[in-house]
C-alpha cells in the first residue's frame, strides 16, 4: 500500500542560494516538502551558470538543483515584500537560509526575530564557518573550503608534484548540502517528539573537514601521532585506473586474499611467488610493485573482456566511462535514473531522479524548476488564506 511522501504537508521557506543550501532543500523537496524558494528579483545567481537557456535564469544547474520547488521573488528592503517574508516565516515549519548573521538580523530575520514570529520554528543557518572561531564572519565558496581543509593538496601527493589542485566538482558544497538536509530532518524529528523548534547551524568548513578527515586523519588520530597524515591507499600513485587495449578499467582487489585470483585472471600466477611477495604481509607492503605489474598486463585485452572476467571471479571491476557518456550507461538506463521531461518554458530537459527508493511510496516526478518568482501570486494568496483562517 503506497502513501504520500514522508514530508507531505511540511512547509519549508528556503532563502538559500548557489549550491550548498539548495542541494539540502532539494532533498527535502524530493521527500514531498513544500519548498518555497525565496529569491531576489534578479534570482539566485546559480540560475545563470552554464550555457544560457531559452529563458533568462533557467540554466542547467538550476533545472536540476531546484526541481520540485516553488519560487517567490522578494526585495526584503521594501516594506511590502518584508511583510510577505514575515508571513512566510510565521506559517513555516522550517526556515533555512545562508545569509550572513549580521545581514540577516538587519533584514529582521535573525534567529530571535524569526522565532518571535514563530516560536516552534526550525531555524537552519547554512554558514561557511562555524560560530565561535576566527573565520566566523568570512565568506565561503567551494574552492575556499577545499583549500582551507587541505583537500587541494591530495592530488599533488598522488602525482608527486606537490602542486595543489581543486577537485573538479562542487564537492564541498554538495557534502555540506547533504549534511544540511540530515540536520534539518533530525531537528524535525525532534520537533515531532517534543513540539520544540530550535536553531541549527550547518558549517561548510567543519562539515567538509569531517568528511575528508575520516580516512585522511591517518596517524594524527593518535596522540602523539604514530604515522603521517593521509590514507596511504588513496594517495598511492600506482593505485590508478589500469590501461586496457581500448581504454581503462578500475580494478579493486580490496584484500590481500584477492591478489592470487587477480593474477590468475591476468595470466601470470607465478608473479606472486617472488620472495618479496610470497606472503600476504609482503604483498601488502609492496603493493606498488603489484599495481605496476597489473598495469603491464591489462593492455592485453579490452575493457569489456576484463570486466567480464574479473566480475566472474568476484573481483570488483568496471570500465572507466567518460562523464560525457554517462547517459549511455546500461544500468542507469535500466533503472530510469535519467528522466527526459518537457519543461513548460524550456522544452526538453534531462533530470536525475532521486537515487533513494522508499517502499512506503512510489517514485514520483517532481514539478519542474521554477522561473524567477513564478509562484508569487499563488503563494501570496495562500498566505492571505492562512491569516484569515487563524484570525
Protein backbone atom coordinates (compact mmCIF):
# COMPACT_ATOMS: atom_id res chain seq x y z
CA UNK A 1 0.00 0.00 0.00
CA UNK A 2 1.51 3.32 -1.06
CA UNK A 3 1.39 6.51 0.97
CA UNK A 4 2.15 10.16 0.42
CA UNK A 5 5.82 11.20 0.51
CA UNK A 6 7.17 11.43 4.07
CA UNK A 7 7.34 15.22 4.20
CA UNK A 8 3.98 15.98 2.61
CA UNK A 9 2.47 18.96 4.42
CA UNK A 10 5.82 20.30 5.69
CA UNK A 11 6.36 23.90 4.61
CA UNK A 12 9.98 24.95 4.07
CA UNK A 13 10.90 28.59 3.46
CA UNK A 14 14.18 28.42 1.57
CA UNK A 15 16.25 31.60 1.34
CA UNK A 16 19.44 29.84 0.28
CA UNK A 17 21.35 30.36 -2.95
CA UNK A 18 24.02 28.81 -5.18
CA UNK A 19 24.55 25.09 -4.27
CA UNK A 20 25.07 24.33 -0.55
CA UNK A 21 21.61 25.32 0.69
CA UNK A 22 19.63 24.50 -2.47
CA UNK A 23 21.14 20.98 -2.51
CA UNK A 24 19.87 20.50 1.06
CA UNK A 25 16.38 21.75 0.22
CA UNK A 26 16.28 19.67 -2.96
CA UNK A 27 16.47 16.59 -0.72
CA UNK A 28 13.53 17.91 1.29
CA UNK A 29 11.51 18.67 -1.84
CA UNK A 30 12.20 15.16 -3.15
CA UNK A 31 10.68 13.83 0.06
CA UNK A 32 7.49 15.79 -0.53
CA UNK A 33 8.07 19.03 1.40
CA UNK A 34 6.57 22.24 0.01
CA UNK A 35 9.79 24.15 -0.55
CA UNK A 36 9.22 27.85 -1.23
CA UNK A 37 12.34 29.33 -2.78
CA UNK A 38 12.66 32.99 -1.79
CA UNK A 39 14.79 34.87 -4.32
CA UNK A 40 15.73 38.43 -5.08
CA UNK A 41 14.05 39.90 -8.18
CA UNK A 42 17.26 39.05 -10.08
CA UNK A 43 17.07 35.43 -8.96
CA UNK A 44 19.58 33.03 -7.43
CA UNK A 45 22.93 33.56 -9.18
CA UNK A 46 23.27 29.82 -9.84
CA UNK A 47 20.44 30.18 -12.34
CA UNK A 48 22.97 31.75 -14.70
CA UNK A 49 25.65 29.04 -14.71
CA UNK A 50 26.30 27.04 -17.86
CA UNK A 51 25.17 27.80 -21.38
CA UNK A 52 22.35 30.39 -21.48
CA UNK A 53 18.92 28.80 -21.59
CA UNK A 54 15.88 29.71 -23.65
CA UNK A 55 14.58 31.75 -20.73
CA UNK A 56 16.75 34.08 -18.68
CA UNK A 57 17.76 32.48 -15.40
CA UNK A 58 16.92 28.91 -16.37
CA UNK A 59 20.41 27.45 -16.68
CA UNK A 60 21.21 23.71 -16.47
CA UNK A 61 22.31 23.80 -12.83
CA UNK A 62 19.06 25.41 -11.76
CA UNK A 63 16.96 22.99 -13.83
CA UNK A 64 18.24 20.07 -11.74
CA UNK A 65 19.01 21.71 -8.39
CA UNK A 66 15.68 23.45 -7.87
CA UNK A 67 13.19 20.98 -9.29
CA UNK A 68 10.11 20.40 -7.17
CA UNK A 69 10.26 23.87 -5.57
CA UNK A 70 8.13 26.99 -5.89
CA UNK A 71 9.64 30.46 -6.37
CA UNK A 72 8.66 33.84 -5.00
CA UNK A 73 10.75 36.95 -5.74
CA UNK A 74 11.06 39.43 -2.86
CA UNK A 75 13.12 42.54 -2.25
CA UNK A 76 13.36 42.47 1.54
CA UNK A 77 14.37 46.13 1.67
CA UNK A 78 10.85 47.00 0.52
CA UNK A 79 8.30 47.12 3.34
CA UNK A 80 5.60 45.23 1.46
CA UNK A 81 7.97 42.39 0.50
CA UNK A 82 9.39 42.21 4.03
CA UNK A 83 5.81 41.82 5.29
CA UNK A 84 5.30 38.87 2.91
CA UNK A 85 8.53 37.33 4.20
CA UNK A 86 7.34 37.70 7.79
CA UNK A 87 4.16 35.85 6.87
CA UNK A 88 6.16 33.11 5.19
CA UNK A 89 8.24 32.61 8.34
CA UNK A 90 5.15 32.82 10.57
CA UNK A 91 3.49 29.90 8.78
CA UNK A 92 6.61 27.81 8.08
CA UNK A 93 7.75 24.60 9.71
CA UNK A 94 11.34 25.18 8.62
CA UNK A 95 13.21 28.35 7.64
CA UNK A 96 16.61 27.75 6.03
CA UNK A 97 18.99 30.40 4.69
CA UNK A 98 22.66 31.12 4.01
CA UNK A 99 22.72 34.88 4.62
CA UNK A 100 25.50 36.02 6.96
CA UNK A 101 24.45 36.60 10.57
CA UNK A 102 24.70 40.39 10.72
CA UNK A 103 22.95 40.81 7.37
CA UNK A 104 20.02 38.55 8.21
CA UNK A 105 19.48 40.39 11.51
CA UNK A 106 19.46 43.73 9.71
CA UNK A 107 16.77 42.34 7.44
CA UNK A 108 14.75 41.36 10.51
CA UNK A 109 15.05 37.57 10.23
CA UNK A 110 17.77 36.58 12.66
CA UNK A 111 17.11 33.58 14.92
CA UNK A 112 15.45 35.53 17.75
CA UNK A 113 13.46 37.69 15.33
CA UNK A 114 12.19 34.72 13.33
CA UNK A 115 11.29 32.68 16.40
CA UNK A 116 9.41 35.65 17.85
CA UNK A 117 7.18 35.34 14.79
CA UNK A 118 7.00 31.54 15.06
CA UNK A 119 8.12 30.03 18.39
CA UNK A 120 8.03 26.46 17.08
CA UNK A 121 10.16 27.25 14.03
CA UNK A 122 13.09 25.09 12.98
CA UNK A 123 15.65 27.73 12.01
CA UNK A 124 18.53 26.36 9.90
CA UNK A 125 21.52 28.58 9.17
CA UNK A 126 23.89 27.36 6.46
CA UNK A 127 27.24 29.06 7.11
CA UNK A 128 30.72 28.92 5.68
CA UNK A 129 32.49 28.63 9.03
CA UNK A 130 31.05 27.72 12.41
CA UNK A 131 30.42 30.39 15.03
CA UNK A 132 32.99 30.99 17.73
CA UNK A 133 36.12 30.81 15.58
CA UNK A 134 38.26 33.47 13.86
CA UNK A 135 36.77 32.63 10.41
CA UNK A 136 33.15 33.01 11.53
CA UNK A 137 32.38 36.15 9.54
CA UNK A 138 34.26 35.19 6.36
CA UNK A 139 32.57 34.32 3.09
CA UNK A 140 32.99 30.78 1.85
CA UNK A 141 32.71 29.13 -1.54
CA UNK A 142 33.59 25.61 -2.60
CA UNK A 143 37.14 26.44 -3.74
CA UNK A 144 37.87 28.27 -0.49
CA UNK A 145 36.69 25.33 1.60
CA UNK A 146 38.66 22.83 -0.48
CA UNK A 147 41.75 24.95 0.14
CA UNK A 148 41.12 25.55 3.84
CA UNK A 149 40.60 21.85 4.60
CA UNK A 150 43.75 20.76 2.75
CA UNK A 151 41.76 18.75 0.21
CA UNK A 152 43.54 20.52 -2.66
CA UNK A 153 46.88 19.02 -1.55
CA UNK A 154 45.78 15.43 -2.12
CA UNK A 155 46.17 15.33 -5.95
CA UNK A 156 49.73 16.63 -5.58
CA UNK A 157 50.51 13.86 -3.10
CA UNK A 158 49.36 11.31 -5.69
CA UNK A 159 51.31 12.63 -8.68
CA UNK A 160 54.35 13.68 -6.64
CA UNK A 161 54.31 17.29 -7.81
CA UNK A 162 53.09 18.76 -4.55
CA UNK A 163 51.01 21.21 -6.59
CA UNK A 164 47.63 21.93 -5.02
CA UNK A 165 44.63 21.41 -7.32
CA UNK A 166 40.90 21.73 -6.88
CA UNK A 167 38.70 18.66 -7.20
CA UNK A 168 36.72 19.26 -10.44
CA UNK A 169 33.41 19.18 -8.61
CA UNK A 170 31.49 21.36 -6.17
CA UNK A 171 32.19 18.62 -3.68
CA UNK A 172 32.33 20.76 -0.52
CA UNK A 173 29.04 22.47 -1.37
CA UNK A 174 27.29 19.18 -2.01
CA UNK A 175 28.68 17.40 1.05
CA UNK A 176 27.56 20.35 3.18
CA UNK A 177 24.17 20.24 1.48
CA UNK A 178 23.69 16.60 2.43
CA UNK A 179 24.73 17.45 5.98
CA UNK A 180 22.21 20.30 5.97
CA UNK A 181 19.39 18.00 4.88
CA UNK A 182 20.36 15.47 7.57
CA UNK A 183 20.48 18.17 10.26
CA UNK A 184 17.13 19.62 9.20
CA UNK A 185 15.44 16.23 9.28
CA UNK A 186 16.92 15.46 12.71
CA UNK A 187 15.56 18.76 14.04
CA UNK A 188 12.16 17.98 12.53
CA UNK A 189 12.08 14.56 14.22
CA UNK A 190 12.95 16.30 17.50
CA UNK A 191 10.02 18.66 16.99
CA UNK A 192 7.66 15.76 16.30
CA UNK A 193 8.71 14.19 19.59
CA UNK A 194 8.81 17.30 21.77
CA UNK A 195 6.93 20.07 19.99
CA UNK A 196 10.05 22.23 20.20
CA UNK A 197 11.67 24.17 17.41
CA UNK A 198 15.35 25.03 17.52
CA UNK A 199 18.22 26.84 15.82
CA UNK A 200 20.53 24.62 13.75
CA UNK A 201 23.90 25.79 12.42
CA UNK A 202 25.39 23.87 9.48
CA UNK A 203 29.00 24.96 8.74
CA UNK A 204 30.55 24.02 5.42
CA UNK A 205 34.17 24.20 6.65
CA UNK A 206 33.68 21.89 9.61
CA UNK A 207 31.38 19.62 7.60
CA UNK A 208 33.87 19.14 4.79
CA UNK A 209 36.84 18.81 7.16
CA UNK A 210 34.95 15.99 8.89
CA UNK A 211 34.17 14.38 5.53
CA UNK A 212 37.80 14.48 4.34
CA UNK A 213 39.48 13.52 7.59
CA UNK A 214 37.51 10.31 8.21
CA UNK A 215 40.24 8.40 6.35
CA UNK A 216 42.92 11.03 5.82
CA UNK A 217 43.48 11.77 9.51
CA UNK A 218 45.85 8.79 9.34
CA UNK A 219 48.38 8.69 12.14
CA UNK A 220 47.16 12.00 13.51
CA UNK A 221 44.29 10.07 15.09
CA UNK A 222 46.70 9.18 17.89
CA UNK A 223 48.37 11.45 20.44
CA UNK A 224 51.24 11.62 19.82
CA UNK A 225 50.90 10.81 16.09
CA UNK A 226 52.27 7.44 15.03
CA UNK A 227 52.20 7.91 11.24
CA UNK A 228 51.81 10.71 8.66
CA UNK A 229 48.50 12.26 7.71
CA UNK A 230 46.73 10.70 4.71
CA UNK A 231 45.19 7.36 3.83
CA UNK A 232 48.06 5.63 2.04
CA UNK A 233 45.80 3.55 -0.18
CA UNK A 234 44.10 6.66 -1.56
CA UNK A 235 47.28 8.62 -2.28
CA UNK A 236 49.31 5.75 -3.74
CA UNK A 237 50.47 6.98 -7.19
CA UNK A 238 50.31 3.45 -8.60
CA UNK A 239 46.74 2.81 -7.47
CA UNK A 240 45.06 4.34 -10.51
CA UNK A 241 42.87 3.10 -13.37
CA UNK A 242 44.66 0.44 -15.41
CA UNK A 243 45.10 0.75 -19.20
CA UNK A 244 43.44 -1.77 -21.50
CA UNK A 245 43.53 -2.46 -25.21
CA UNK A 246 40.76 0.09 -25.83
CA UNK A 247 40.50 2.20 -22.67
CA UNK A 248 40.84 1.89 -18.91
CA UNK A 249 39.41 -0.15 -16.06
CA UNK A 250 39.01 0.29 -12.33
CA UNK A 251 40.09 -2.89 -10.57
CA UNK A 252 39.72 -3.24 -6.79
CA UNK A 253 41.28 -6.32 -5.14
CA UNK A 254 40.37 -4.99 -1.70
CA UNK A 255 42.06 -7.70 0.38
CA UNK A 256 45.41 -9.44 0.01
CA UNK A 257 43.50 -12.70 -0.44
CA UNK A 258 42.23 -11.30 -3.74
CA UNK A 259 45.61 -10.84 -5.40
CA UNK A 260 46.24 -14.51 -6.28
CA UNK A 261 42.85 -14.54 -8.03
CA UNK A 262 43.73 -11.34 -9.89
CA UNK A 263 46.99 -12.75 -11.23
CA UNK A 264 45.30 -16.00 -12.23
CA UNK A 265 42.88 -13.93 -14.32
CA UNK A 266 45.74 -11.80 -15.66
CA UNK A 267 47.58 -14.97 -16.72
CA UNK A 268 50.66 -14.51 -14.53
CA UNK A 269 50.13 -16.61 -11.36
CA UNK A 270 53.90 -17.02 -10.87
CA UNK A 271 54.37 -13.30 -10.23
CA UNK A 272 53.30 -13.50 -6.57
CA UNK A 273 55.83 -16.28 -5.86
CA UNK A 274 58.72 -13.81 -5.81
CA UNK A 275 60.43 -13.64 -2.39
CA UNK A 276 59.29 -10.08 -1.70
CA UNK A 277 55.64 -11.02 -2.48
CA UNK A 278 55.47 -14.52 -1.02
CA UNK A 279 53.17 -13.73 1.92
CA UNK A 280 50.05 -11.57 2.32
CA UNK A 281 52.04 -9.25 4.58
CA UNK A 282 54.76 -8.76 1.98
CA UNK A 283 52.14 -8.18 -0.71
CA UNK A 284 50.53 -5.52 1.48
CA UNK A 285 53.83 -3.70 1.95
CA UNK A 286 54.80 -3.98 -1.74
CA UNK A 287 51.54 -3.07 -3.38
CA UNK A 288 53.21 -0.52 -5.64
CA UNK A 289 55.09 -3.30 -7.39
CA UNK A 290 51.86 -5.30 -7.73
CA UNK A 291 49.97 -2.35 -9.20
CA UNK A 292 52.76 -1.67 -11.71
CA UNK A 293 52.78 -5.30 -12.91
CA UNK A 294 49.00 -5.23 -13.22
CA UNK A 295 49.27 -2.15 -15.43
CA UNK A 296 51.76 -4.00 -17.65
CA UNK A 297 49.33 -6.91 -18.17
CA UNK A 298 45.94 -5.21 -18.60
CA UNK A 299 46.65 -3.80 -22.10
CA UNK A 300 46.39 -7.39 -23.44
CA UNK A 301 42.57 -7.31 -23.53
CA UNK A 302 39.69 -4.89 -23.98
CA UNK A 303 37.96 -3.24 -21.08
CA UNK A 304 34.77 -5.25 -21.69
CA UNK A 305 36.74 -8.51 -21.67
CA UNK A 306 38.43 -7.68 -18.37
CA UNK A 307 35.18 -6.55 -16.76
CA UNK A 308 33.55 -9.84 -17.66
CA UNK A 309 36.49 -11.94 -16.46
CA UNK A 310 37.12 -10.14 -13.18
CA UNK A 311 33.49 -9.90 -12.18
CA UNK A 312 33.08 -13.60 -12.91
CA UNK A 313 35.98 -14.15 -10.49
CA UNK A 314 34.24 -11.93 -7.89
CA UNK A 315 36.84 -9.18 -8.18
CA UNK A 316 35.16 -5.74 -8.46
CA UNK A 317 35.92 -4.25 -11.86
CA UNK A 318 34.29 -1.58 -14.02
CA UNK A 319 35.28 0.14 -17.23
CA UNK A 320 36.19 3.80 -16.98
CA UNK A 321 33.36 5.73 -18.59
CA UNK A 322 33.81 9.25 -19.91
CA UNK A 323 31.47 11.52 -17.99
CA UNK A 324 30.13 12.78 -21.32
CA UNK A 325 28.82 9.26 -21.99
CA UNK A 326 27.22 8.61 -18.60
CA UNK A 327 23.69 8.79 -20.01
CA UNK A 328 24.50 5.73 -22.12
CA UNK A 329 25.26 3.59 -19.06
CA UNK A 330 23.06 0.47 -19.34
CA UNK A 331 22.43 0.22 -15.60
CA UNK A 332 21.31 3.85 -15.29
CA UNK A 333 19.15 3.41 -18.37
CA UNK A 334 17.52 0.29 -16.93
CA UNK A 335 16.80 1.96 -13.58
CA UNK A 336 15.44 5.12 -15.21
CA UNK A 337 17.94 7.34 -13.43
CA UNK A 338 17.95 9.96 -16.17
CA UNK A 339 14.46 11.18 -16.97
CA UNK A 340 13.58 13.11 -20.11
CA UNK A 341 10.84 15.60 -19.45
CA UNK A 342 9.23 18.62 -21.06
CA UNK A 343 9.68 21.86 -19.18
CA UNK A 344 6.88 24.43 -19.66
CA UNK A 345 9.27 27.20 -20.72
CA UNK A 346 12.49 25.39 -21.71
CA UNK A 347 11.18 22.46 -23.73
CA UNK A 348 13.00 19.15 -23.47
CA UNK A 349 15.18 18.70 -20.38
CA UNK A 350 17.03 15.81 -18.75
CA UNK A 351 16.89 15.42 -14.97
CA UNK A 352 18.26 12.92 -12.47
CA UNK A 353 15.70 11.02 -10.46
CA UNK A 354 16.19 10.93 -6.68
CA UNK A 355 18.56 7.99 -6.09
CA UNK A 356 16.98 6.64 -2.88
CA UNK A 357 13.94 4.39 -3.14
CA UNK A 358 11.29 4.05 -0.42
CA UNK A 359 8.94 1.13 -0.03
CA UNK A 360 6.32 3.36 1.58
CA UNK A 361 5.61 5.42 -1.53
CA UNK A 362 6.37 5.10 -5.23
CA UNK A 363 8.76 7.34 -7.10
CA UNK A 364 7.12 10.49 -8.43
CA UNK A 365 8.04 13.11 -10.99
CA UNK A 366 8.78 16.41 -9.23
CA UNK A 367 7.41 19.65 -10.57
CA UNK A 368 9.72 21.49 -12.98
CA UNK A 369 12.28 24.00 -11.75
CA UNK A 370 10.51 27.37 -11.45
CA UNK A 371 11.09 30.62 -13.26
CA UNK A 372 12.03 33.59 -11.06
CA UNK A 373 9.01 34.46 -8.94
CA UNK A 374 6.79 32.09 -10.90
CA UNK A 375 4.60 31.19 -7.92
CA UNK A 376 4.49 34.58 -6.24
CA UNK A 377 0.80 35.21 -6.74
CA UNK A 378 -0.34 31.79 -5.56
CA UNK A 379 1.93 31.90 -2.51
CA UNK A 380 0.62 35.33 -1.52
CA UNK A 381 -2.95 34.04 -1.89
CA UNK A 382 -2.15 31.05 0.32
CA UNK A 383 -0.69 33.34 2.99
CA UNK A 384 -3.81 35.51 2.92
CA UNK A 385 -5.97 32.42 3.37
CA UNK A 386 -3.84 31.22 6.29
CA UNK A 387 -4.09 34.61 8.02
CA UNK A 388 -7.84 34.62 7.65
CA UNK A 389 -8.12 31.04 8.91
CA UNK A 390 -6.10 31.84 12.02
CA UNK A 391 -7.89 35.10 12.68
